[in-house]
Amino acid sequence: MELERKVYADTATDAEAAEYQQLSELLTSSLETRVTEVAARLGGSQ
């Protein structure tokens, strides 16, 4: 959360901003994968 605060306050270093971006992409990807898995189990498609 501290990293996110720094990014939104525009006080993050370039390295911190890059790390935040990587984490954001990873978490978004994981969430999308999970939604797809659940939808498949329910017999739907997303």
C-alpha atoms as a PDB file:
ATOM      1  CA  MET A   1       0.000   0.000   0.000  1.00  0.00           C
ATOM      2  CA  GLU A   2       2.889   2.363   0.692  1.00  0.00           C
ATOM      3  CA  LEU A   3       4.122   1.879  -2.853  1.00  0.00           C
ATOM      4  CA  GLU A   4       0.675   2.696  -4.210  1.00  0.00           C
ATOM      5  CA  ARG A   5       0.520   5.853  -2.082  1.00  0.00           C
ATOM      6  CA  LYS A   6       3.859   7.013  -3.434  1.00  0.00           C
ATOM      7  CA  VAL A   7       2.765   6.405  -7.023  1.00  0.00           C
ATOM      8  CA  TYR A   8      -0.486   8.328  -6.593  1.00  0.00           C
ATOM      9  CA  ALA A   9       1.260  11.135  -4.680  1.00  0.00           C
ATOM     10  CA  ASP A  10       3.803  11.334  -7.518  1.00  0.00           C
ATOM     11  CA  THR A  11       6.666  10.814  -5.078  1.00  0.00           C
ATOM     12  CA  ALA A  12       7.724   7.343  -6.279  1.00  0.00           C
ATOM     13  CA  THR A  13      11.083   6.848  -7.907  1.00  0.00           C
ATOM     14  CA  ASP A  14      11.216   5.489 -11.452  1.00  0.00           C
ATOM     15  CA  ALA A  15      12.106   2.061 -10.036  1.00  0.00           C
ATOM     16  CA  GLU A  16       9.171   2.158  -7.607  1.00  0.00           C
ATOM     17  CA  ALA A  17       6.785   3.211 -10.361  1.00  0.00           C
ATOM     18  CA  ALA A  18       8.041   0.352 -12.551  1.00  0.00           C
ATOM     19  CA  GLU A  19       7.617  -2.118  -9.679  1.00  0.00           C
ATOM     20  CA  TYR A  20       4.085  -0.863  -9.073  1.00  0.00           C
ATOM     21  CA  GLN A  21       3.254  -1.274 -12.767  1.00  0.00           C
ATOM     22  CA  GLN A  22       4.584  -4.852 -12.773  1.00  0.00           C
ATOM     23  CA  LEU A  23       2.617  -5.736  -9.656  1.00  0.00           C
ATOM     24  CA  SER A  24      -0.515  -4.156 -11.078  1.00  0.00           C
ATOM     25  CA  GLU A  25      -0.236  -6.177 -14.280  1.00  0.00           C
ATOM     26  CA  LEU A  26       0.404  -9.382 -12.345  1.00  0.00           C
ATOM     27  CA  LEU A  27      -2.587  -8.861 -10.070  1.00  0.00           C
ATOM     28  CA  THR A  28      -4.874  -7.918 -12.948  1.00  0.00           C
ATOM     29  CA  SER A  29      -3.762 -10.967 -14.886  1.00  0.00           C
ATOM     30  CA  SER A  30      -4.331 -13.195 -11.868  1.00  0.00           C
ATOM     31  CA  LEU A  31      -7.813 -11.789 -11.332  1.00  0.00           C
ATOM     32  CA  GLU A  32      -8.761 -12.258 -14.981  1.00  0.00           C
ATOM     33  CA  THR A  33      -7.470 -15.827 -14.882  1.00  0.00           C
ATOM     34  CA  ARG A  34      -9.506 -16.551 -11.763  1.00  0.00           C
ATOM     35  CA  VAL A  35     -12.682 -15.126 -13.320  1.00  0.00           C
ATOM     36  CA  THR A  36     -12.162 -17.323 -16.362  1.00  0.00           C
ATOM     37  CA  GLU A  37     -11.642 -20.397 -14.172  1.00  0.00           C
ATOM     38  CA  VAL A  38     -14.791 -19.734 -12.150  1.00  0.00           C
ATOM     39  CA  ALA A  39     -16.838 -19.052 -15.272  1.00  0.00           C
ATOM     40  CA  ALA A  40     -15.641 -22.333 -16.787  1.00  0.00           C
ATOM     41  CA  ARG A  41     -16.684 -24.213 -13.663  1.00  0.00           C
ATOM     42  CA  LEU A  42     -20.104 -22.609 -13.817  1.00  0.00           C
ATOM     43  CA  GLY A  43     -20.462 -23.558 -17.457  1.00  0.00           C
ATOM     44  CA  GLY A  44     -20.286 -19.999 -18.762  1.00  0.00           C
ATOM     45  CA  SER A  45     -17.688 -18.135 -20.706  1.00  0.00           C
ATOM     46  CA  GLN A  46     -16.103 -14.785 -20.071  1.00  0.00           C
END
